Amino acid sequence: MTDQKPRIVSVGEVMVELARSADGRYGLAYGGDTFNTAVYLARAGLPVAYATALGDDPYSDGVVALAAAEGVAGDLILRVPGRMPGLYMIETDPQGERRFYYWRDTAPARELFELPEWGKVAESLVGAGLIYFSGITLSLYSNAGLGRFLATLEVARKNGAKVAFDGNYRPRGWKGDLARARTVFMEALKRVDIAMPTFDDEAALWGDTSPEATIERMQAFGIAEIVVKNGAGGAVIAAGGERETVPVPQIVTPVDTTAAGDSFNAGYLAARLRSEKPNAAAQAAHRLAGEVILHRGAIIPRATAALH
């Protein structure tokens, strides 16, 4: 590694985002769950790289430029000639809840661990301080790609890396194959140090009846630190043999809930990497997420984020 300290590597997909504004027009941006988290980690001053694959089109260039502008290292963004990134549209209802529509089946990000340069990504993961990925990341890859990614995680952990995982289960990404999703998630959970699921997702995938049930199921995999996000119900943390609920400091009416969980994860991980206790980390995470949901789009203006 050439970095002075081991960096964070976030793995997944970043797409072209089209979001409808109040006047009915669409604005162009870029987003993706693990990319959003990478941006907010970089804004917290942490060394972070993003691992994905893009095309050689102007929109892929736009993603690379955004990563650079946000201080997210782009050396693990592989470029595939003749290809283009995925696209998603966001429709937001009056309550700020959003519905996503995707065009992403041919995005090169899906082949990250099968491209000729995949070994370069694996090598960097093995040298990382923290690896971050999500259930959406897992839904991208073929069984061959998953095998390579999970094997790399094992080697990285033996080399001292920590692995953080947000379940982020989206049934559409798994084409309704619940059995495959569960199997892949279980393999991933065996290789996780910090789990950061959202309770609603865990209920949908596993039938969990409470955040406590989610914690108990994940503890069976030996995961030492678990943070269950539960919307207005706060976050339930299990770490160091203790369990506590950290309430949301202020309930706000969201403008757009896009990236609420992604920014929460960034706020939590940034605080923990600064050696703050889980309770303080969750409070910081709530504050950042509370700010993000007051703005449209996944990545809020930098001047606003600088307040945190």
C-alpha atoms as a PDB file:
ATOM      1  CA  MET A   1       0.000   0.000   0.000  1.00  0.00           C
ATOM      2  CA  THR A   2       1.218   3.483  -0.831  1.00  0.00           C
ATOM      3  CA  ASP A   3      -1.211   5.194   1.538  1.00  0.00           C
ATOM      4  CA  GLN A   4       0.134   6.330   4.890  1.00  0.00           C
ATOM      5  CA  LYS A   5      -2.665   4.483   6.656  1.00  0.00           C
ATOM      6  CA  PRO A   6      -4.902   1.645   5.472  1.00  0.00           C
ATOM      7  CA  ARG A   7      -7.848   3.071   3.612  1.00  0.00           C
ATOM      8  CA  ILE A   8     -11.502   2.203   3.382  1.00  0.00           C
ATOM      9  CA  VAL A   9     -12.594   0.475   0.193  1.00  0.00           C
ATOM     10  CA  SER A  10     -16.305   0.631  -0.610  1.00  0.00           C
ATOM     11  CA  VAL A  11     -17.526  -1.871  -3.213  1.00  0.00           C
ATOM     12  CA  GLY A  12     -20.595  -1.747  -5.427  1.00  0.00           C
ATOM     13  CA  GLU A  13     -22.306   0.192  -8.174  1.00  0.00           C
ATOM     14  CA  VAL A  14     -22.774   3.874  -8.928  1.00  0.00           C
ATOM     15  CA  MET A  15     -25.439   4.849 -11.436  1.00  0.00           C
ATOM     16  CA  VAL A  16     -26.833   7.824 -13.275  1.00  0.00           C
ATOM     17  CA  GLU A  17     -29.635   9.310 -11.139  1.00  0.00           C
ATOM     18  CA  LEU A  18     -32.641  11.153 -12.531  1.00  0.00           C
ATOM     19  CA  ALA A  19     -34.833  12.700  -9.834  1.00  0.00           C
ATOM     20  CA  ARG A  20     -37.993  14.668 -10.457  1.00  0.00           C
ATOM     21  CA  SER A  21     -38.054  18.075  -8.788  1.00  0.00           C
ATOM     22  CA  ALA A  22     -41.095  19.941  -7.496  1.00  0.00           C
ATOM     23  CA  ASP A  23     -41.664  21.576 -10.900  1.00  0.00           C
ATOM     24  CA  GLY A  24     -41.785  18.178 -12.604  1.00  0.00           C
ATOM     25  CA  ARG A  25     -38.401  18.450 -14.296  1.00  0.00           C
ATOM     26  CA  TYR A  26     -35.705  15.842 -13.859  1.00  0.00           C
ATOM     27  CA  GLY A  27     -32.255  16.658 -12.534  1.00  0.00           C
ATOM     28  CA  LEU A  28     -29.164  14.608 -13.382  1.00  0.00           C
ATOM     29  CA  ALA A  29     -26.923  13.318 -10.613  1.00  0.00           C
ATOM     30  CA  TYR A  30     -25.066  10.139  -9.681  1.00  0.00           C
ATOM     31  CA  GLY A  31     -25.676   7.738  -6.820  1.00  0.00           C
ATOM     32  CA  GLY A  32     -25.629   4.215  -5.498  1.00  0.00           C
ATOM     33  CA  ASP A  33     -25.844   2.978  -1.923  1.00  0.00           C
ATOM     34  CA  THR A  34     -22.187   2.161  -1.279  1.00  0.00           C
ATOM     35  CA  PHE A  35     -21.002   5.107  -3.379  1.00  0.00           C
ATOM     36  CA  ASN A  36     -23.136   7.479  -1.314  1.00  0.00           C
ATOM     37  CA  THR A  37     -21.541   6.103   1.841  1.00  0.00           C
ATOM     38  CA  ALA A  38     -18.065   6.479   0.324  1.00  0.00           C
ATOM     39  CA  VAL A  39     -18.720  10.147  -0.418  1.00  0.00           C
ATOM     40  CA  TYR A  40     -19.908  10.881   3.120  1.00  0.00           C
ATOM     41  CA  LEU A  41     -16.900   9.002   4.554  1.00  0.00           C
ATOM     42  CA  ALA A  42     -14.579  11.087   2.391  1.00  0.00           C
ATOM     43  CA  ARG A  43     -16.310  14.257   3.581  1.00  0.00           C
ATOM     44  CA  ALA A  44     -15.535  13.130   7.125  1.00  0.00           C
ATOM     45  CA  GLY A  45     -11.860  13.269   6.180  1.00  0.00           C
ATOM     46  CA  LEU A  46     -11.237   9.543   5.861  1.00  0.00           C
ATOM     47  CA  PRO A  47      -9.138   7.921   3.099  1.00  0.00           C
ATOM     48  CA  VAL A  48     -11.641   6.019   0.971  1.00  0.00           C
ATOM     49  CA  ALA A  49     -11.611   4.390  -2.463  1.00  0.00           C
ATOM     50  CA  TYR A  50     -14.529   3.115  -4.518  1.00  0.00           C
ATOM     51  CA  ALA A  51     -14.337  -0.216  -6.339  1.00  0.00           C
ATOM     52  CA  THR A  52     -16.637  -0.655  -9.320  1.00  0.00           C
ATOM     53  CA  ALA A  53     -16.657  -0.896 -13.110  1.00  0.00           C
ATOM     54  CA  LEU A  54     -17.912   1.745 -15.544  1.00  0.00           C
ATOM     55  CA  GLY A  55     -17.936   2.314 -19.289  1.00  0.00           C
ATOM     56  CA  ASP A  56     -16.058   4.812 -21.445  1.00  0.00           C
ATOM     57  CA  ASP A  57     -19.018   7.131 -22.045  1.00  0.00           C
ATOM     58  CA  PRO A  58     -19.532  10.735 -20.855  1.00  0.00           C
ATOM     59  CA  TYR A  59     -21.699   9.626 -17.911  1.00  0.00           C
ATOM     60  CA  SER A  60     -19.007   7.263 -16.664  1.00  0.00           C
ATOM     61  CA  ASP A  61     -16.608  10.193 -16.988  1.00  0.00           C
ATOM     62  CA  GLY A  62     -19.042  12.177 -14.851  1.00  0.00           C
ATOM     63  CA  VAL A  63     -18.950   9.557 -12.102  1.00  0.00           C
ATOM     64  CA  VAL A  64     -15.158   9.536 -12.096  1.00  0.00           C
ATOM     65  CA  ALA A  65     -15.094  13.333 -11.958  1.00  0.00           C
ATOM     66  CA  LEU A  66     -17.559  13.376  -9.053  1.00  0.00           C
ATOM     67  CA  ALA A  67     -15.517  10.824  -7.114  1.00  0.00           C
ATOM     68  CA  ALA A  68     -12.398  12.926  -7.637  1.00  0.00           C
ATOM     69  CA  ALA A  69     -14.165  16.125  -6.604  1.00  0.00           C
ATOM     70  CA  GLU A  70     -15.374  14.445  -3.409  1.00  0.00           C
ATOM     71  CA  GLY A  71     -11.974  13.037  -2.535  1.00  0.00           C
ATOM     72  CA  VAL A  72     -12.929   9.411  -3.238  1.00  0.00           C
ATOM     73  CA  ALA A  73      -9.980   7.584  -4.825  1.00  0.00           C
ATOM     74  CA  GLY A  74     -10.827   6.251  -8.273  1.00  0.00           C
ATOM     75  CA  ASP A  75      -7.935   3.879  -8.878  1.00  0.00           C
ATOM     76  CA  LEU A  76     -10.259   0.884  -8.371  1.00  0.00           C
ATOM     77  CA  ILE A  77     -12.846   2.097 -10.884  1.00  0.00           C
ATOM     78  CA  LEU A  78     -12.298  -0.195 -13.869  1.00  0.00           C
ATOM     79  CA  ARG A  79     -13.320   1.138 -17.283  1.00  0.00           C
ATOM     80  CA  VAL A  80     -14.875  -1.161 -19.899  1.00  0.00           C
ATOM     81  CA  PRO A  81     -14.883   0.112 -23.512  1.00  0.00           C
ATOM     82  CA  GLY A  82     -18.249   0.293 -25.213  1.00  0.00           C
ATOM     83  CA  ARG A  83     -20.281  -0.015 -22.020  1.00  0.00           C
ATOM     84  CA  MET A  84     -22.392   2.396 -19.975  1.00  0.00           C
ATOM     85  CA  PRO A  85     -23.386   2.623 -16.301  1.00  0.00           C
ATOM     86  CA  GLY A  86     -26.823   1.782 -14.976  1.00  0.00           C
ATOM     87  CA  LEU A  87     -29.593   4.361 -14.698  1.00  0.00           C
ATOM     88  CA  TYR A  88     -32.247   4.897 -12.075  1.00  0.00           C
ATOM     89  CA  MET A  89     -35.146   7.315 -11.703  1.00  0.00           C
ATOM     90  CA  ILE A  90     -36.589   8.462  -8.385  1.00  0.00           C
ATOM     91  CA  GLU A  91     -40.224   9.387  -7.887  1.00  0.00           C
ATOM     92  CA  THR A  92     -40.908  10.934  -4.463  1.00  0.00           C
ATOM     93  CA  ASP A  93     -44.353  11.039  -2.841  1.00  0.00           C
ATOM     94  CA  PRO A  94     -45.665  13.909  -0.660  1.00  0.00           C
ATOM     95  CA  GLN A  95     -44.316  12.165   2.473  1.00  0.00           C
ATOM     96  CA  GLY A  96     -40.777  12.106   1.093  1.00  0.00           C
ATOM     97  CA  GLU A  97     -40.808   8.357   0.476  1.00  0.00           C
ATOM     98  CA  ARG A  98     -39.343   7.366  -2.844  1.00  0.00           C
ATOM     99  CA  ARG A  99     -39.835   4.735  -5.496  1.00  0.00           C
ATOM    100  CA  PHE A 100     -36.956   3.702  -7.729  1.00  0.00           C
ATOM    101  CA  TYR A 101     -37.047   2.556 -11.358  1.00  0.00           C
ATOM    102  CA  TYR A 102     -33.874   0.909 -12.688  1.00  0.00           C
ATOM    103  CA  TRP A 103     -32.187   0.216 -16.011  1.00  0.00           C
ATOM    104  CA  ARG A 104     -29.028  -1.594 -14.972  1.00  0.00           C
ATOM    105  CA  ASP A 105     -28.940  -5.196 -16.227  1.00  0.00           C
ATOM    106  CA  THR A 106     -26.037  -4.538 -18.634  1.00  0.00           C
ATOM    107  CA  ALA A 107     -23.986  -2.286 -16.327  1.00  0.00           C
ATOM    108  CA  PRO A 108     -20.309  -3.320 -16.187  1.00  0.00           C
ATOM    109  CA  ALA A 109     -20.356  -3.074 -12.375  1.00  0.00           C
ATOM    110  CA  ARG A 110     -22.004  -6.481 -12.388  1.00  0.00           C
ATOM    111  CA  GLU A 111     -18.813  -8.037 -13.779  1.00  0.00           C
ATOM    112  CA  LEU A 112     -16.302  -6.351 -11.458  1.00  0.00           C
ATOM    113  CA  PHE A 113     -14.820  -9.635 -10.226  1.00  0.00           C
ATOM    114  CA  GLU A 114     -14.815 -11.257 -13.678  1.00  0.00           C
ATOM    115  CA  LEU A 115     -13.074  -8.523 -15.659  1.00  0.00           C
ATOM    116  CA  PRO A 116      -9.423  -9.052 -16.642  1.00  0.00           C
ATOM    117  CA  GLU A 117      -8.275  -6.514 -14.033  1.00  0.00           C
ATOM    118  CA  TRP A 118     -10.270  -7.965 -11.138  1.00  0.00           C
ATOM    119  CA  GLY A 119      -7.072  -9.042  -9.414  1.00  0.00           C
ATOM    120  CA  LYS A 120      -6.087  -5.398  -9.009  1.00  0.00           C
ATOM    121  CA  VAL A 121      -9.290  -4.805  -7.031  1.00  0.00           C
ATOM    122  CA  ALA A 122      -8.775  -7.938  -4.943  1.00  0.00           C
ATOM    123  CA  GLU A 123      -5.198  -6.931  -4.135  1.00  0.00           C
ATOM    124  CA  SER A 124      -6.339  -3.538  -2.891  1.00  0.00           C
ATOM    125  CA  LEU A 125      -9.085  -5.096  -0.766  1.00  0.00           C
ATOM    126  CA  VAL A 126      -6.532  -7.371   0.880  1.00  0.00           C
ATOM    127  CA  GLY A 127      -4.527  -4.290   1.863  1.00  0.00           C
ATOM    128  CA  ALA A 128      -7.506  -2.244   3.086  1.00  0.00           C
ATOM    129  CA  GLY A 129      -8.179  -1.179   6.650  1.00  0.00           C
ATOM    130  CA  LEU A 130     -11.963  -1.441   6.240  1.00  0.00           C
ATOM    131  CA  ILE A 131     -14.062  -2.980   3.462  1.00  0.00           C
ATOM    132  CA  TYR A 132     -17.648  -1.796   3.085  1.00  0.00           C
ATOM    133  CA  PHE A 133     -20.346  -3.381   0.917  1.00  0.00           C
ATOM    134  CA  SER A 134     -24.076  -4.075   0.920  1.00  0.00           C
ATOM    135  CA  GLY A 135     -26.749  -6.545  -0.034  1.00  0.00           C
ATOM    136  CA  ILE A 136     -27.126  -4.590  -3.266  1.00  0.00           C
ATOM    137  CA  THR A 137     -23.425  -5.210  -3.938  1.00  0.00           C
ATOM    138  CA  LEU A 138     -24.010  -8.939  -3.497  1.00  0.00           C
ATOM    139  CA  SER A 139     -27.027  -8.886  -5.831  1.00  0.00           C
ATOM    140  CA  LEU A 140     -24.870  -7.618  -8.690  1.00  0.00           C
ATOM    141  CA  TYR A 141     -22.526 -10.562  -9.094  1.00  0.00           C
ATOM    142  CA  SER A 142     -22.759 -14.001 -10.658  1.00  0.00           C
ATOM    143  CA  ASN A 143     -21.870 -17.005  -8.529  1.00  0.00           C
ATOM    144  CA  ALA A 144     -18.349 -16.894  -9.977  1.00  0.00           C
ATOM    145  CA  GLY A 145     -17.972 -13.229  -9.080  1.00  0.00           C
ATOM    146  CA  LEU A 146     -19.375 -13.802  -5.613  1.00  0.00           C
ATOM    147  CA  GLY A 147     -16.942 -16.636  -5.021  1.00  0.00           C
ATOM    148  CA  ARG A 148     -14.006 -14.396  -5.837  1.00  0.00           C
ATOM    149  CA  PHE A 149     -15.322 -11.494  -3.759  1.00  0.00           C
ATOM    150  CA  LEU A 150     -16.071 -13.602  -0.672  1.00  0.00           C
ATOM    151  CA  ALA A 151     -12.719 -15.387  -0.897  1.00  0.00           C
ATOM    152  CA  THR A 152     -11.007 -11.995  -1.078  1.00  0.00           C
ATOM    153  CA  LEU A 153     -12.869 -10.861   2.045  1.00  0.00           C
ATOM    154  CA  GLU A 154     -11.534 -13.891   3.917  1.00  0.00           C
ATOM    155  CA  VAL A 155      -7.948 -13.126   2.959  1.00  0.00           C
ATOM    156  CA  ALA A 156      -8.411  -9.441   3.796  1.00  0.00           C
ATOM    157  CA  ARG A 157      -9.707 -10.243   7.285  1.00  0.00           C
ATOM    158  CA  LYS A 158      -6.758 -12.544   7.923  1.00  0.00           C
ATOM    159  CA  ASN A 159      -4.603  -9.599   6.889  1.00  0.00           C
ATOM    160  CA  GLY A 160      -6.224  -7.375   9.517  1.00  0.00           C
ATOM    161  CA  ALA A 161      -9.017  -5.687   7.572  1.00  0.00           C
ATOM    162  CA  LYS A 162     -12.408  -5.093   9.163  1.00  0.00           C
ATOM    163  CA  VAL A 163     -15.529  -5.794   7.094  1.00  0.00           C
ATOM    164  CA  ALA A 164     -18.697  -3.696   7.387  1.00  0.00           C
ATOM    165  CA  PHE A 165     -21.953  -4.772   5.740  1.00  0.00           C
ATOM    166  CA  ASP A 166     -25.370  -3.177   5.229  1.00  0.00           C
ATOM    167  CA  GLY A 167     -27.948  -5.815   4.301  1.00  0.00           C
ATOM    168  CA  ASN A 168     -29.893  -3.400   2.061  1.00  0.00           C
ATOM    169  CA  TYR A 169     -32.105  -6.143   0.671  1.00  0.00           C
ATOM    170  CA  ARG A 170     -33.972  -5.235  -2.531  1.00  0.00           C
ATOM    171  CA  PRO A 171     -36.116  -8.123  -3.845  1.00  0.00           C
ATOM    172  CA  ARG A 172     -36.018  -6.831  -7.433  1.00  0.00           C
ATOM    173  CA  GLY A 173     -32.237  -7.119  -7.468  1.00  0.00           C
ATOM    174  CA  TRP A 174     -32.557 -10.828  -6.710  1.00  0.00           C
ATOM    175  CA  LYS A 175     -35.303 -11.364  -9.306  1.00  0.00           C
ATOM    176  CA  GLY A 176     -37.544 -12.748  -6.585  1.00  0.00           C
ATOM    177  CA  ASP A 177     -35.154 -15.614  -5.785  1.00  0.00           C
ATOM    178  CA  LEU A 178     -35.467 -15.480  -2.002  1.00  0.00           C
ATOM    179  CA  ALA A 179     -33.569 -18.734  -1.486  1.00  0.00           C
ATOM    180  CA  ARG A 180     -30.515 -17.506  -3.401  1.00  0.00           C
ATOM    181  CA  ALA A 181     -30.580 -14.170  -1.586  1.00  0.00           C
ATOM    182  CA  ARG A 182     -30.631 -15.895   1.795  1.00  0.00           C
ATOM    183  CA  THR A 183     -27.840 -18.283   0.815  1.00  0.00           C
ATOM    184  CA  VAL A 184     -25.602 -15.474  -0.432  1.00  0.00           C
ATOM    185  CA  PHE A 185     -26.332 -13.289   2.599  1.00  0.00           C
ATOM    186  CA  MET A 186     -25.450 -16.118   4.962  1.00  0.00           C
ATOM    187  CA  GLU A 187     -22.115 -16.646   3.222  1.00  0.00           C
ATOM    188  CA  ALA A 188     -21.406 -12.929   3.485  1.00  0.00           C
ATOM    189  CA  LEU A 189     -22.411 -12.725   7.157  1.00  0.00           C
ATOM    190  CA  LYS A 190     -19.751 -15.302   8.015  1.00  0.00           C
ATOM    191  CA  ARG A 191     -17.182 -12.717   6.910  1.00  0.00           C
ATOM    192  CA  VAL A 192     -18.536  -9.573   8.622  1.00  0.00           C
ATOM    193  CA  ASP A 193     -17.224  -7.649  11.641  1.00  0.00           C
ATOM    194  CA  ILE A 194     -19.739  -4.775  11.689  1.00  0.00           C
ATOM    195  CA  ALA A 195     -23.303  -5.376  10.498  1.00  0.00           C
ATOM    196  CA  MET A 196     -25.485  -2.335   9.809  1.00  0.00           C
ATOM    197  CA  PRO A 197     -28.864  -3.656   8.634  1.00  0.00           C
ATOM    198  CA  THR A 198     -32.186  -1.857   8.353  1.00  0.00           C
ATOM    199  CA  PHE A 199     -34.896  -3.679  10.273  1.00  0.00           C
ATOM    200  CA  ASP A 200     -37.526  -3.431   7.509  1.00  0.00           C
ATOM    201  CA  ASP A 201     -35.129  -5.147   5.095  1.00  0.00           C
ATOM    202  CA  GLU A 202     -34.346  -7.923   7.576  1.00  0.00           C
ATOM    203  CA  ALA A 203     -38.052  -8.483   8.197  1.00  0.00           C
ATOM    204  CA  ALA A 204     -38.622  -8.802   4.451  1.00  0.00           C
ATOM    205  CA  LEU A 205     -35.720 -11.206   3.866  1.00  0.00           C
ATOM    206  CA  TRP A 206     -35.788 -13.275   7.063  1.00  0.00           C
ATOM    207  CA  GLY A 207     -39.163 -12.632   8.679  1.00  0.00           C
ATOM    208  CA  ASP A 208     -37.548 -11.025  11.739  1.00  0.00           C
ATOM    209  CA  THR A 209     -40.188  -9.785  14.179  1.00  0.00           C
ATOM    210  CA  SER A 210     -38.065  -7.146  15.950  1.00  0.00           C
ATOM    211  CA  PRO A 211     -34.638  -5.503  15.823  1.00  0.00           C
ATOM    212  CA  GLU A 212     -33.707  -7.742  18.756  1.00  0.00           C
ATOM    213  CA  ALA A 213     -34.504 -10.787  16.656  1.00  0.00           C
ATOM    214  CA  THR A 214     -32.223  -9.428  13.925  1.00  0.00           C
ATOM    215  CA  ILE A 215     -29.425  -8.997  16.443  1.00  0.00           C
ATOM    216  CA  GLU A 216     -29.781 -12.531  17.785  1.00  0.00           C
ATOM    217  CA  ARG A 217     -29.768 -14.027  14.298  1.00  0.00           C
ATOM    218  CA  MET A 218     -26.648 -12.081  13.338  1.00  0.00           C
ATOM    219  CA  GLN A 219     -24.846 -12.849  16.568  1.00  0.00           C
ATOM    220  CA  ALA A 220     -25.127 -16.516  15.641  1.00  0.00           C
ATOM    221  CA  PHE A 221     -22.656 -15.718  12.826  1.00  0.00           C
ATOM    222  CA  GLY A 222     -20.177 -14.366  15.355  1.00  0.00           C
ATOM    223  CA  ILE A 223     -20.595 -10.724  14.334  1.00  0.00           C
ATOM    224  CA  ALA A 224     -19.140  -8.597  17.124  1.00  0.00           C
ATOM    225  CA  GLU A 225     -20.837  -5.277  16.365  1.00  0.00           C
ATOM    226  CA  ILE A 226     -24.399  -4.938  15.104  1.00  0.00           C
ATOM    227  CA  VAL A 227     -26.332  -1.721  14.489  1.00  0.00           C
ATOM    228  CA  VAL A 228     -29.957  -2.178  13.453  1.00  0.00           C
ATOM    229  CA  LYS A 229     -31.471   0.934  11.885  1.00  0.00           C
ATOM    230  CA  ASN A 230     -35.159   1.205  12.706  1.00  0.00           C
ATOM    231  CA  GLY A 231     -36.313   4.519  11.266  1.00  0.00           C
ATOM    232  CA  ALA A 232     -38.018   6.769  13.777  1.00  0.00           C
ATOM    233  CA  GLY A 233     -37.531   3.971  16.331  1.00  0.00           C
ATOM    234  CA  GLY A 234     -33.834   4.797  16.485  1.00  0.00           C
ATOM    235  CA  ALA A 235     -30.935   2.382  16.242  1.00  0.00           C
ATOM    236  CA  VAL A 236     -30.443  -0.763  18.310  1.00  0.00           C
ATOM    237  CA  ILE A 237     -26.795  -1.568  18.977  1.00  0.00           C
ATOM    238  CA  ALA A 238     -25.220  -4.786  20.185  1.00  0.00           C
ATOM    239  CA  ALA A 239     -21.493  -4.488  20.860  1.00  0.00           C
ATOM    240  CA  GLY A 240     -19.064  -5.362  23.600  1.00  0.00           C
ATOM    241  CA  GLY A 241     -21.565  -7.645  25.309  1.00  0.00           C
ATOM    242  CA  GLU A 242     -24.053  -4.784  25.732  1.00  0.00           C
ATOM    243  CA  ARG A 243     -27.254  -3.859  23.955  1.00  0.00           C
ATOM    244  CA  GLU A 244     -28.880  -0.440  23.821  1.00  0.00           C
ATOM    245  CA  THR A 245     -31.291   1.651  21.790  1.00  0.00           C
ATOM    246  CA  VAL A 246     -30.059   5.041  20.622  1.00  0.00           C
ATOM    247  CA  PRO A 247     -33.099   7.201  19.817  1.00  0.00           C
ATOM    248  CA  VAL A 248     -33.316   9.643  16.925  1.00  0.00           C
ATOM    249  CA  PRO A 249     -32.479  13.015  18.529  1.00  0.00           C
ATOM    250  CA  GLN A 250     -35.105  14.896  16.546  1.00  0.00           C
ATOM    251  CA  ILE A 251     -37.900  13.571  14.365  1.00  0.00           C
ATOM    252  CA  VAL A 252     -37.978  15.604  11.155  1.00  0.00           C
ATOM    253  CA  THR A 253     -40.366  15.552   8.229  1.00  0.00           C
ATOM    254  CA  PRO A 254     -38.287  14.216   5.339  1.00  0.00           C
ATOM    255  CA  VAL A 255     -38.091  15.915   1.980  1.00  0.00           C
ATOM    256  CA  ASP A 256     -36.463  12.825   0.439  1.00  0.00           C
ATOM    257  CA  THR A 257     -35.347   9.709   2.309  1.00  0.00           C
ATOM    258  CA  THR A 258     -32.840   8.725  -0.396  1.00  0.00           C
ATOM    259  CA  ALA A 259     -29.486   7.788   1.185  1.00  0.00           C
ATOM    260  CA  ALA A 260     -30.784   8.060   4.755  1.00  0.00           C
ATOM    261  CA  GLY A 261     -29.299   4.681   5.616  1.00  0.00           C
ATOM    262  CA  ASP A 262     -26.185   5.227   3.501  1.00  0.00           C
ATOM    263  CA  SER A 263     -25.348   8.469   5.303  1.00  0.00           C
ATOM    264  CA  PHE A 264     -26.161   6.927   8.694  1.00  0.00           C
ATOM    265  CA  ASN A 265     -23.635   4.183   7.968  1.00  0.00           C
ATOM    266  CA  ALA A 266     -20.993   6.733   6.984  1.00  0.00           C
ATOM    267  CA  GLY A 267     -21.575   8.783  10.118  1.00  0.00           C
ATOM    268  CA  TYR A 268     -21.384   5.686  12.301  1.00  0.00           C
ATOM    269  CA  LEU A 269     -18.272   4.224  10.692  1.00  0.00           C
ATOM    270  CA  ALA A 270     -16.472   7.579  10.646  1.00  0.00           C
ATOM    271  CA  ALA A 271     -17.070   8.010  14.372  1.00  0.00           C
ATOM    272  CA  ARG A 272     -16.037   4.453  15.186  1.00  0.00           C
ATOM    273  CA  LEU A 273     -12.833   4.864  13.146  1.00  0.00           C
ATOM    274  CA  ARG A 274     -12.138   7.911  15.325  1.00  0.00           C
ATOM    275  CA  SER A 275     -12.426   5.537  18.306  1.00  0.00           C
ATOM    276  CA  GLU A 276     -15.770   6.909  19.517  1.00  0.00           C
ATOM    277  CA  LYS A 277     -18.048   4.536  21.432  1.00  0.00           C
ATOM    278  CA  PRO A 278     -20.961   2.899  19.576  1.00  0.00           C
ATOM    279  CA  ASN A 279     -23.530   5.091  21.353  1.00  0.00           C
ATOM    280  CA  ALA A 280     -21.773   8.318  20.346  1.00  0.00           C
ATOM    281  CA  ALA A 281     -21.254   6.956  16.830  1.00  0.00           C
ATOM    282  CA  ALA A 282     -24.977   6.249  16.457  1.00  0.00           C
ATOM    283  CA  GLN A 283     -25.819   9.757  17.647  1.00  0.00           C
ATOM    284  CA  ALA A 284     -23.465  11.233  15.047  1.00  0.00           C
ATOM    285  CA  ALA A 285     -25.011   8.944  12.428  1.00  0.00           C
ATOM    286  CA  HIS A 286     -28.536  10.080  13.331  1.00  0.00           C
ATOM    287  CA  ARG A 287     -27.489  13.714  12.977  1.00  0.00           C
ATOM    288  CA  LEU A 288     -26.011  13.236   9.512  1.00  0.00           C
ATOM    289  CA  ALA A 289     -28.947  11.155   8.254  1.00  0.00           C
ATOM    290  CA  GLY A 290     -31.363  13.725   9.674  1.00  0.00           C
ATOM    291  CA  GLU A 291     -29.678  16.414   7.591  1.00  0.00           C
ATOM    292  CA  VAL A 292     -29.535  14.305   4.429  1.00  0.00           C
ATOM    293  CA  ILE A 293     -33.273  13.594   4.386  1.00  0.00           C
ATOM    294  CA  LEU A 294     -34.016  17.319   4.373  1.00  0.00           C
ATOM    295  CA  HIS A 295     -32.560  17.535   0.847  1.00  0.00           C
ATOM    296  CA  ARG A 296     -33.447  15.960  -2.466  1.00  0.00           C
ATOM    297  CA  GLY A 297     -31.082  13.391  -3.932  1.00  0.00           C
ATOM    298  CA  ALA A 298     -28.550  11.023  -2.435  1.00  0.00           C
ATOM    299  CA  ILE A 299     -25.625  13.408  -2.007  1.00  0.00           C
ATOM    300  CA  ILE A 300     -26.464  16.739  -0.388  1.00  0.00           C
ATOM    301  CA  PRO A 301     -24.623  20.006  -1.066  1.00  0.00           C
ATOM    302  CA  ARG A 302     -21.167  19.966   0.449  1.00  0.00           C
ATOM    303  CA  ALA A 303     -21.653  23.270   2.319  1.00  0.00           C
ATOM    304  CA  THR A 304     -24.507  21.702   4.263  1.00  0.00           C
ATOM    305  CA  ALA A 305     -22.620  18.511   5.042  1.00  0.00           C
ATOM    306  CA  ALA A 306     -19.657  20.538   6.303  1.00  0.00           C
ATOM    307  CA  LEU A 307     -21.743  21.557   9.285  1.00  0.00           C
ATOM    308  CA  HIS A 308     -21.374  18.056  10.725  1.00  0.00           C
END
